């Protein structure tokens, strides 16, 4: 996985923000620090809970100028529906081609259900210089991040 102090690999992928647009990390960093929240799949219990928690705490991230993006291997159309059904105020990056999870080395196989190359649950904070200033990953897809740690890292990156 990409580590603290590394340059965040730049990428371009579909953005689910109510419409389907294009997201490029380096362009997003022009606006401020970015929080990348990788998760295995939309509409699953733990992932839905994680994204709803980010929703409920979004003010703590945006107050410091950070922008949160969820990232999964779901299609942008599924991610837009996920956003709508859960009233999620942030956009999602669709990595349906699995290029970003490979680039960040956060792909995993969920053998219990026979799915391959999903996004591992991971959170990275990238400052405006493109440097990873916080990196967390879970080997257990049931474990959620420490939201207070993420918020503190986003504030420090601002």
N, C-alpha and C. Protein backbone atom coordinates (compact mmCIF):
# COMPACT_ATOMS: atom_id res chain seq x y z
N UNK A 1 0.84 -1.19 0.00
CA UNK A 1 0.00 0.00 0.00
C UNK A 1 0.88 1.24 0.00
N UNK A 2 0.36 2.29 -0.59
CA UNK A 2 1.03 3.59 -0.56
C UNK A 2 1.15 4.00 0.91
N UNK A 3 2.31 4.54 1.29
CA UNK A 3 2.59 4.84 2.69
C UNK A 3 2.70 6.34 2.93
N UNK A 4 2.64 6.72 4.20
CA UNK A 4 2.84 8.12 4.59
C UNK A 4 4.20 8.58 4.08
N UNK A 5 4.22 9.76 3.48
CA UNK A 5 5.44 10.31 2.91
C UNK A 5 5.60 10.06 1.43
N UNK A 6 4.85 9.08 0.90
CA UNK A 6 4.89 8.80 -0.54
C UNK A 6 4.12 9.87 -1.31
N UNK A 7 4.48 10.03 -2.57
CA UNK A 7 3.65 10.82 -3.47
C UNK A 7 2.44 9.97 -3.84
N UNK A 8 1.26 10.54 -3.73
CA UNK A 8 0.05 9.81 -4.09
C UNK A 8 0.03 9.63 -5.60
N UNK A 9 -0.12 8.40 -6.08
CA UNK A 9 -0.20 8.20 -7.53
C UNK A 9 -1.40 8.96 -8.11
N UNK A 10 -1.15 9.70 -9.17
CA UNK A 10 -2.23 10.43 -9.82
C UNK A 10 -3.06 9.47 -10.65
N UNK A 11 -4.34 9.75 -10.78
CA UNK A 11 -5.22 8.90 -11.59
C UNK A 11 -6.41 9.72 -12.06
N UNK A 12 -7.03 9.21 -13.09
CA UNK A 12 -8.28 9.76 -13.61
C UNK A 12 -9.27 8.60 -13.70
N UNK A 13 -10.48 8.83 -13.21
CA UNK A 13 -11.50 7.78 -13.20
C UNK A 13 -12.88 8.45 -13.20
N UNK A 14 -13.93 7.67 -13.50
CA UNK A 14 -15.27 8.24 -13.47
C UNK A 14 -15.65 8.71 -12.06
N UNK A 15 -16.36 9.83 -12.00
CA UNK A 15 -16.81 10.42 -10.74
C UNK A 15 -18.33 10.35 -10.68
N UNK A 16 -18.85 9.72 -9.65
CA UNK A 16 -20.29 9.66 -9.41
C UNK A 16 -20.65 10.76 -8.43
N UNK A 17 -21.25 11.82 -8.93
CA UNK A 17 -21.60 12.97 -8.10
C UNK A 17 -23.05 13.40 -8.33
N UNK A 18 -23.88 12.45 -8.67
CA UNK A 18 -25.25 12.73 -9.10
C UNK A 18 -25.36 12.58 -10.60
N UNK A 19 -24.31 13.01 -11.29
CA UNK A 19 -24.10 12.76 -12.71
C UNK A 19 -22.89 11.83 -12.79
N UNK A 20 -22.39 11.63 -13.98
CA UNK A 20 -21.13 10.90 -14.14
C UNK A 20 -20.16 11.85 -14.83
N UNK A 21 -19.15 12.25 -14.10
CA UNK A 21 -18.13 13.15 -14.61
C UNK A 21 -16.78 12.44 -14.54
N UNK A 22 -15.73 13.22 -14.67
CA UNK A 22 -14.37 12.68 -14.61
C UNK A 22 -13.66 13.27 -13.40
N UNK A 23 -12.91 12.44 -12.70
CA UNK A 23 -12.14 12.86 -11.54
C UNK A 23 -10.67 12.63 -11.81
N UNK A 24 -9.85 13.65 -11.56
CA UNK A 24 -8.39 13.51 -11.62
C UNK A 24 -7.85 14.00 -10.28
N UNK A 25 -7.11 13.15 -9.60
CA UNK A 25 -6.63 13.49 -8.27
C UNK A 25 -5.85 14.79 -8.25
N UNK A 26 -4.91 14.96 -9.16
CA UNK A 26 -4.08 16.17 -9.15
C UNK A 26 -4.92 17.44 -9.30
N UNK A 27 -6.00 17.37 -10.05
CA UNK A 27 -6.88 18.53 -10.20
C UNK A 27 -7.67 18.78 -8.91
N UNK A 28 -8.11 17.73 -8.25
CA UNK A 28 -8.84 17.88 -6.99
C UNK A 28 -7.95 18.50 -5.92
N UNK A 29 -6.66 18.19 -5.96
CA UNK A 29 -5.72 18.72 -4.97
C UNK A 29 -5.51 20.23 -5.13
N UNK A 30 -5.85 20.77 -6.29
CA UNK A 30 -5.78 22.22 -6.48
C UNK A 30 -6.77 22.95 -5.57
N UNK A 31 -7.80 22.23 -5.13
CA UNK A 31 -8.85 22.81 -4.28
C UNK A 31 -8.57 22.64 -2.79
N UNK A 32 -7.65 21.75 -2.42
CA UNK A 32 -7.36 21.49 -1.01
C UNK A 32 -7.04 20.03 -0.80
N UNK A 33 -6.76 19.64 0.46
CA UNK A 33 -6.45 18.25 0.76
C UNK A 33 -7.61 17.32 0.38
N UNK A 34 -7.26 16.08 0.08
CA UNK A 34 -8.24 15.09 -0.33
C UNK A 34 -8.16 13.89 0.60
N UNK A 35 -9.33 13.40 0.99
CA UNK A 35 -9.45 12.16 1.76
C UNK A 35 -10.00 11.11 0.80
N UNK A 36 -9.24 10.04 0.59
CA UNK A 36 -9.66 8.93 -0.26
C UNK A 36 -10.09 7.78 0.65
N UNK A 37 -11.37 7.45 0.61
CA UNK A 37 -11.90 6.38 1.45
C UNK A 37 -12.27 5.19 0.56
N UNK A 38 -11.37 4.23 0.47
CA UNK A 38 -11.60 3.01 -0.31
C UNK A 38 -12.52 2.09 0.50
N UNK A 39 -13.48 1.46 -0.19
CA UNK A 39 -14.36 0.51 0.50
C UNK A 39 -14.75 -0.60 -0.48
N UNK A 40 -15.04 -1.80 0.06
CA UNK A 40 -15.28 -2.96 -0.81
C UNK A 40 -16.49 -2.86 -1.73
N UNK A 41 -17.63 -2.38 -1.24
CA UNK A 41 -18.78 -2.37 -2.14
C UNK A 41 -19.98 -1.62 -1.61
N UNK A 42 -20.62 -0.91 -2.51
CA UNK A 42 -21.85 -0.18 -2.18
C UNK A 42 -22.94 -1.17 -1.79
N UNK A 43 -23.83 -0.72 -0.94
CA UNK A 43 -25.01 -1.47 -0.51
C UNK A 43 -24.68 -2.67 0.36
N UNK A 44 -23.48 -2.74 0.90
CA UNK A 44 -23.16 -3.78 1.87
C UNK A 44 -23.24 -3.16 3.25
N UNK A 45 -23.46 -3.97 4.27
CA UNK A 45 -23.78 -3.42 5.59
C UNK A 45 -22.67 -2.55 6.18
N UNK A 46 -21.45 -3.05 6.22
CA UNK A 46 -20.37 -2.29 6.85
C UNK A 46 -20.02 -1.07 6.00
N UNK A 47 -19.98 -1.23 4.70
CA UNK A 47 -19.65 -0.10 3.82
C UNK A 47 -20.71 1.00 3.91
N UNK A 48 -21.96 0.61 3.96
CA UNK A 48 -23.03 1.59 4.11
C UNK A 48 -22.88 2.32 5.44
N UNK A 49 -22.60 1.57 6.50
CA UNK A 49 -22.39 2.19 7.81
C UNK A 49 -21.22 3.15 7.81
N UNK A 50 -20.12 2.76 7.17
CA UNK A 50 -18.94 3.63 7.10
C UNK A 50 -19.27 4.92 6.36
N UNK A 51 -19.90 4.82 5.21
CA UNK A 51 -20.19 6.01 4.42
C UNK A 51 -21.22 6.90 5.12
N UNK A 52 -22.17 6.30 5.83
CA UNK A 52 -23.12 7.11 6.61
C UNK A 52 -22.42 7.82 7.76
N UNK A 53 -21.44 7.17 8.37
CA UNK A 53 -20.68 7.82 9.44
C UNK A 53 -19.90 9.00 8.87
N UNK A 54 -19.26 8.81 7.72
CA UNK A 54 -18.58 9.95 7.08
C UNK A 54 -19.59 11.06 6.78
N UNK A 55 -20.78 10.68 6.31
CA UNK A 55 -21.83 11.68 6.04
C UNK A 55 -22.14 12.48 7.30
N UNK A 56 -22.32 11.78 8.40
CA UNK A 56 -22.71 12.44 9.64
C UNK A 56 -21.59 13.30 10.22
N UNK A 57 -20.35 13.03 9.81
CA UNK A 57 -19.19 13.76 10.33
C UNK A 57 -18.54 14.65 9.27
N UNK A 58 -19.19 14.82 8.13
CA UNK A 58 -18.56 15.50 7.00
C UNK A 58 -18.13 16.92 7.35
N UNK A 59 -18.85 17.59 8.21
CA UNK A 59 -18.49 18.94 8.59
C UNK A 59 -17.12 19.02 9.25
N UNK A 60 -16.72 17.97 9.94
CA UNK A 60 -15.40 17.93 10.58
C UNK A 60 -14.29 17.87 9.54
N UNK A 61 -14.56 17.30 8.38
CA UNK A 61 -13.56 17.23 7.31
C UNK A 61 -13.55 18.51 6.48
N UNK A 62 -14.72 18.96 6.11
CA UNK A 62 -14.80 20.11 5.21
C UNK A 62 -14.47 21.43 5.91
N UNK A 63 -14.62 21.48 7.23
CA UNK A 63 -14.30 22.71 7.97
C UNK A 63 -12.85 23.12 7.77
N UNK A 64 -11.98 22.15 7.55
CA UNK A 64 -10.56 22.43 7.35
C UNK A 64 -10.19 22.52 5.87
N UNK A 65 -11.19 22.41 4.99
CA UNK A 65 -10.92 22.54 3.57
C UNK A 65 -10.66 21.24 2.84
N UNK A 66 -10.80 20.11 3.52
CA UNK A 66 -10.58 18.81 2.88
C UNK A 66 -11.84 18.38 2.13
N UNK A 67 -11.65 17.57 1.11
CA UNK A 67 -12.76 16.99 0.36
C UNK A 67 -12.65 15.48 0.42
N UNK A 68 -13.75 14.83 0.76
CA UNK A 68 -13.82 13.37 0.87
C UNK A 68 -14.34 12.77 -0.43
N UNK A 69 -13.70 11.70 -0.87
CA UNK A 69 -14.18 10.91 -2.00
C UNK A 69 -14.18 9.45 -1.58
N UNK A 70 -15.32 8.78 -1.73
CA UNK A 70 -15.37 7.34 -1.56
C UNK A 70 -14.88 6.69 -2.84
N UNK A 71 -14.21 5.55 -2.73
CA UNK A 71 -13.72 4.84 -3.92
C UNK A 71 -14.05 3.36 -3.77
N UNK A 72 -14.72 2.81 -4.76
CA UNK A 72 -14.95 1.36 -4.80
C UNK A 72 -14.90 0.89 -6.25
N UNK A 73 -15.00 -0.40 -6.43
CA UNK A 73 -14.96 -0.98 -7.77
C UNK A 73 -16.36 -1.07 -8.39
N UNK A 74 -17.33 -0.46 -7.74
CA UNK A 74 -18.69 -0.42 -8.29
C UNK A 74 -18.75 0.53 -9.49
N UNK A 75 -19.75 0.35 -10.32
CA UNK A 75 -19.94 1.25 -11.47
C UNK A 75 -20.36 2.63 -10.97
N UNK A 76 -20.15 3.67 -11.78
CA UNK A 76 -20.60 5.00 -11.35
C UNK A 76 -22.12 5.08 -11.20
N UNK A 77 -22.84 4.27 -11.93
CA UNK A 77 -24.30 4.28 -11.86
C UNK A 77 -24.76 3.68 -10.53
N UNK A 78 -24.14 2.58 -10.11
CA UNK A 78 -24.45 2.00 -8.80
C UNK A 78 -24.07 2.96 -7.68
N UNK A 79 -22.92 3.64 -7.83
CA UNK A 79 -22.48 4.58 -6.80
C UNK A 79 -23.41 5.79 -6.71
N UNK A 80 -23.94 6.25 -7.83
CA UNK A 80 -24.92 7.34 -7.77
C UNK A 80 -26.19 6.91 -7.05
N UNK A 81 -26.63 5.70 -7.29
CA UNK A 81 -27.82 5.20 -6.58
C UNK A 81 -27.53 5.05 -5.08
N UNK A 82 -26.34 4.57 -4.76
CA UNK A 82 -25.90 4.43 -3.37
C UNK A 82 -25.90 5.80 -2.69
N UNK A 83 -25.36 6.81 -3.37
CA UNK A 83 -25.35 8.20 -2.85
C UNK A 83 -26.78 8.65 -2.55
N UNK A 84 -27.64 8.45 -3.53
CA UNK A 84 -29.02 8.94 -3.40
C UNK A 84 -29.76 8.24 -2.27
N UNK A 85 -29.69 6.91 -2.23
CA UNK A 85 -30.45 6.16 -1.23
C UNK A 85 -29.97 6.42 0.20
N UNK A 86 -28.71 6.83 0.35
CA UNK A 86 -28.15 7.05 1.68
C UNK A 86 -27.92 8.52 1.99
N UNK A 87 -28.40 9.40 1.12
CA UNK A 87 -28.28 10.85 1.32
C UNK A 87 -26.84 11.24 1.62
N UNK A 88 -25.92 10.78 0.77
CA UNK A 88 -24.49 11.03 0.97
C UNK A 88 -24.09 12.29 0.21
N UNK A 89 -23.54 13.29 0.90
CA UNK A 89 -23.26 14.58 0.28
C UNK A 89 -21.92 14.69 -0.43
N UNK A 90 -21.19 13.61 -0.52
CA UNK A 90 -19.88 13.63 -1.16
C UNK A 90 -19.91 12.72 -2.38
N UNK A 91 -18.93 12.90 -3.25
CA UNK A 91 -18.87 12.15 -4.51
C UNK A 91 -18.08 10.86 -4.33
N UNK A 92 -18.24 9.99 -5.31
CA UNK A 92 -17.56 8.69 -5.32
C UNK A 92 -16.78 8.52 -6.61
N UNK A 93 -15.63 7.90 -6.49
CA UNK A 93 -14.81 7.55 -7.64
C UNK A 93 -15.10 6.09 -7.96
N UNK A 94 -15.45 5.83 -9.21
CA UNK A 94 -15.71 4.47 -9.66
C UNK A 94 -14.44 3.87 -10.25
N UNK A 95 -13.99 2.80 -9.64
CA UNK A 95 -12.80 2.10 -10.13
C UNK A 95 -13.20 0.74 -10.68
N UNK A 96 -14.21 0.75 -11.54
CA UNK A 96 -14.73 -0.50 -12.09
C UNK A 96 -13.67 -1.29 -12.86
N UNK A 97 -12.66 -0.61 -13.38
CA UNK A 97 -11.58 -1.29 -14.10
C UNK A 97 -10.45 -1.75 -13.18
N UNK A 98 -10.59 -1.47 -11.89
CA UNK A 98 -9.63 -1.89 -10.86
C UNK A 98 -8.23 -1.29 -11.03
N UNK A 99 -8.12 -0.20 -11.73
CA UNK A 99 -6.81 0.43 -11.94
C UNK A 99 -6.33 1.18 -10.70
N UNK A 100 -7.23 1.86 -10.01
CA UNK A 100 -6.83 2.65 -8.84
C UNK A 100 -6.48 1.74 -7.67
N UNK A 101 -7.28 0.69 -7.44
CA UNK A 101 -6.95 -0.22 -6.33
C UNK A 101 -5.61 -0.90 -6.58
N UNK A 102 -5.29 -1.17 -7.83
CA UNK A 102 -3.97 -1.74 -8.14
C UNK A 102 -2.87 -0.70 -7.94
N UNK A 103 -3.10 0.52 -8.40
CA UNK A 103 -2.13 1.60 -8.27
C UNK A 103 -1.78 1.88 -6.81
N UNK A 104 -2.79 1.81 -5.94
CA UNK A 104 -2.60 2.08 -4.51
C UNK A 104 -2.34 0.80 -3.71
N UNK A 105 -2.34 -0.33 -4.39
CA UNK A 105 -2.08 -1.64 -3.78
C UNK A 105 -3.06 -1.93 -2.64
N UNK A 106 -4.34 -1.71 -2.91
CA UNK A 106 -5.37 -1.99 -1.92
C UNK A 106 -6.45 -2.93 -2.48
N UNK A 107 -6.08 -3.76 -3.44
CA UNK A 107 -7.02 -4.74 -3.98
C UNK A 107 -6.99 -5.98 -3.10
N UNK A 108 -8.16 -6.59 -2.89
CA UNK A 108 -8.19 -7.85 -2.15
C UNK A 108 -9.30 -8.73 -2.71
N UNK A 109 -9.17 -10.01 -2.45
CA UNK A 109 -10.16 -11.00 -2.86
C UNK A 109 -11.02 -11.34 -1.65
N UNK A 110 -12.32 -11.28 -1.82
CA UNK A 110 -13.25 -11.63 -0.75
C UNK A 110 -13.68 -13.07 -1.00
N UNK A 111 -12.82 -13.99 -0.58
CA UNK A 111 -12.99 -15.40 -0.87
C UNK A 111 -14.31 -15.97 -0.36
N UNK A 112 -14.80 -15.45 0.76
CA UNK A 112 -16.02 -15.98 1.37
C UNK A 112 -17.22 -15.89 0.43
N UNK A 113 -17.19 -14.91 -0.47
CA UNK A 113 -18.31 -14.76 -1.40
C UNK A 113 -17.86 -14.87 -2.85
N UNK A 114 -16.60 -15.25 -3.06
CA UNK A 114 -16.10 -15.50 -4.41
C UNK A 114 -15.87 -14.26 -5.26
N UNK A 115 -15.58 -13.13 -4.64
CA UNK A 115 -15.33 -11.90 -5.39
C UNK A 115 -13.85 -11.57 -5.36
N UNK A 116 -13.34 -11.11 -6.50
CA UNK A 116 -11.92 -10.80 -6.62
C UNK A 116 -11.71 -9.33 -6.93
N UNK A 117 -10.54 -8.84 -6.51
CA UNK A 117 -10.09 -7.48 -6.82
C UNK A 117 -11.05 -6.38 -6.38
N UNK A 118 -11.58 -6.53 -5.18
CA UNK A 118 -12.37 -5.45 -4.58
C UNK A 118 -11.41 -4.45 -3.93
N UNK A 119 -11.92 -3.31 -3.56
CA UNK A 119 -11.11 -2.34 -2.81
C UNK A 119 -11.07 -2.76 -1.35
N UNK A 120 -9.89 -2.82 -0.80
CA UNK A 120 -9.73 -3.04 0.63
C UNK A 120 -10.24 -1.81 1.35
N UNK A 121 -10.73 -1.98 2.57
CA UNK A 121 -11.13 -0.80 3.34
C UNK A 121 -9.86 -0.06 3.75
N UNK A 122 -9.71 1.16 3.24
CA UNK A 122 -8.50 1.95 3.49
C UNK A 122 -8.85 3.42 3.39
N UNK A 123 -8.11 4.25 4.12
CA UNK A 123 -8.30 5.70 4.07
C UNK A 123 -6.93 6.35 3.94
N UNK A 124 -6.82 7.25 2.97
CA UNK A 124 -5.59 8.03 2.80
C UNK A 124 -5.95 9.51 2.79
N UNK A 125 -5.08 10.32 3.38
CA UNK A 125 -5.20 11.77 3.30
C UNK A 125 -4.03 12.24 2.46
N UNK A 126 -4.33 13.07 1.47
CA UNK A 126 -3.31 13.58 0.56
C UNK A 126 -3.32 15.11 0.66
N UNK A 127 -2.15 15.69 0.94
CA UNK A 127 -2.09 17.16 1.04
C UNK A 127 -1.99 17.79 -0.35
N UNK A 128 -2.02 19.10 -0.41
CA UNK A 128 -2.06 19.78 -1.71
C UNK A 128 -0.76 19.64 -2.50
N UNK A 129 0.31 19.18 -1.86
CA UNK A 129 1.56 18.88 -2.57
C UNK A 129 1.54 17.48 -3.18
N UNK A 130 0.45 16.73 -2.95
CA UNK A 130 0.35 15.38 -3.47
C UNK A 130 1.00 14.33 -2.59
N UNK A 131 1.35 14.71 -1.37
CA UNK A 131 2.00 13.78 -0.45
C UNK A 131 0.96 13.10 0.44
N UNK A 132 1.10 11.79 0.61
CA UNK A 132 0.23 11.05 1.52
C UNK A 132 0.67 11.40 2.95
N UNK A 133 -0.25 11.97 3.72
CA UNK A 133 0.08 12.37 5.09
C UNK A 133 -0.58 11.46 6.13
N UNK A 134 -1.48 10.59 5.67
CA UNK A 134 -2.14 9.63 6.56
C UNK A 134 -2.51 8.42 5.72
N UNK A 135 -2.27 7.24 6.24
CA UNK A 135 -2.63 6.01 5.53
C UNK A 135 -3.05 4.95 6.53
N UNK A 136 -4.22 4.40 6.31
CA UNK A 136 -4.77 3.34 7.16
C UNK A 136 -5.39 2.30 6.25
N UNK A 137 -5.17 1.04 6.57
CA UNK A 137 -5.80 -0.04 5.81
C UNK A 137 -6.17 -1.16 6.77
N UNK A 138 -7.27 -1.83 6.48
CA UNK A 138 -7.70 -2.95 7.30
C UNK A 138 -7.64 -4.23 6.48
N UNK A 139 -7.08 -5.26 7.08
CA UNK A 139 -7.10 -6.58 6.45
C UNK A 139 -8.44 -7.27 6.65
N UNK A 140 -9.25 -6.73 7.54
CA UNK A 140 -10.57 -7.28 7.84
C UNK A 140 -11.62 -6.29 7.34
N UNK A 141 -12.41 -6.66 6.32
CA UNK A 141 -13.37 -5.72 5.75
C UNK A 141 -14.47 -5.28 6.71
N UNK A 142 -14.56 -5.93 7.87
CA UNK A 142 -15.58 -5.55 8.85
C UNK A 142 -15.13 -4.40 9.75
N UNK A 143 -13.84 -4.04 9.68
CA UNK A 143 -13.28 -3.02 10.57
C UNK A 143 -13.33 -1.66 9.88
N UNK A 144 -13.92 -0.68 10.57
CA UNK A 144 -14.01 0.68 10.06
C UNK A 144 -12.84 1.52 10.57
N UNK A 145 -12.55 2.62 9.88
CA UNK A 145 -11.44 3.48 10.32
C UNK A 145 -11.77 4.22 11.61
N UNK A 146 -10.75 4.76 12.23
CA UNK A 146 -10.92 5.65 13.38
C UNK A 146 -11.23 7.03 12.81
N UNK A 147 -12.48 7.41 12.87
CA UNK A 147 -12.93 8.65 12.22
C UNK A 147 -12.26 9.89 12.81
N UNK A 148 -12.02 9.89 14.11
CA UNK A 148 -11.34 11.03 14.72
C UNK A 148 -9.91 11.17 14.20
N UNK A 149 -9.23 10.04 13.99
CA UNK A 149 -7.88 10.07 13.41
C UNK A 149 -7.91 10.65 12.00
N UNK A 150 -8.88 10.22 11.22
CA UNK A 150 -9.02 10.72 9.84
C UNK A 150 -9.25 12.23 9.86
N UNK A 151 -10.14 12.68 10.72
CA UNK A 151 -10.44 14.11 10.81
C UNK A 151 -9.21 14.91 11.23
N UNK A 152 -8.46 14.39 12.21
CA UNK A 152 -7.23 15.08 12.65
C UNK A 152 -6.21 15.14 11.53
N UNK A 153 -6.10 14.05 10.77
CA UNK A 153 -5.15 14.01 9.66
C UNK A 153 -5.55 14.99 8.56
N UNK A 154 -6.85 15.08 8.30
CA UNK A 154 -7.33 16.03 7.28
C UNK A 154 -7.06 17.46 7.73
N UNK A 155 -7.26 17.74 9.00
CA UNK A 155 -7.00 19.09 9.52
C UNK A 155 -5.52 19.42 9.43
N UNK A 156 -4.67 18.45 9.74
CA UNK A 156 -3.22 18.67 9.69
C UNK A 156 -2.73 18.87 8.26
N UNK A 157 -3.43 18.28 7.29
CA UNK A 157 -3.01 18.39 5.89
C UNK A 157 -3.43 19.72 5.27
N UNK A 158 -4.33 20.42 5.93
CA UNK A 158 -4.86 21.68 5.37
C UNK A 158 -3.83 22.80 5.44
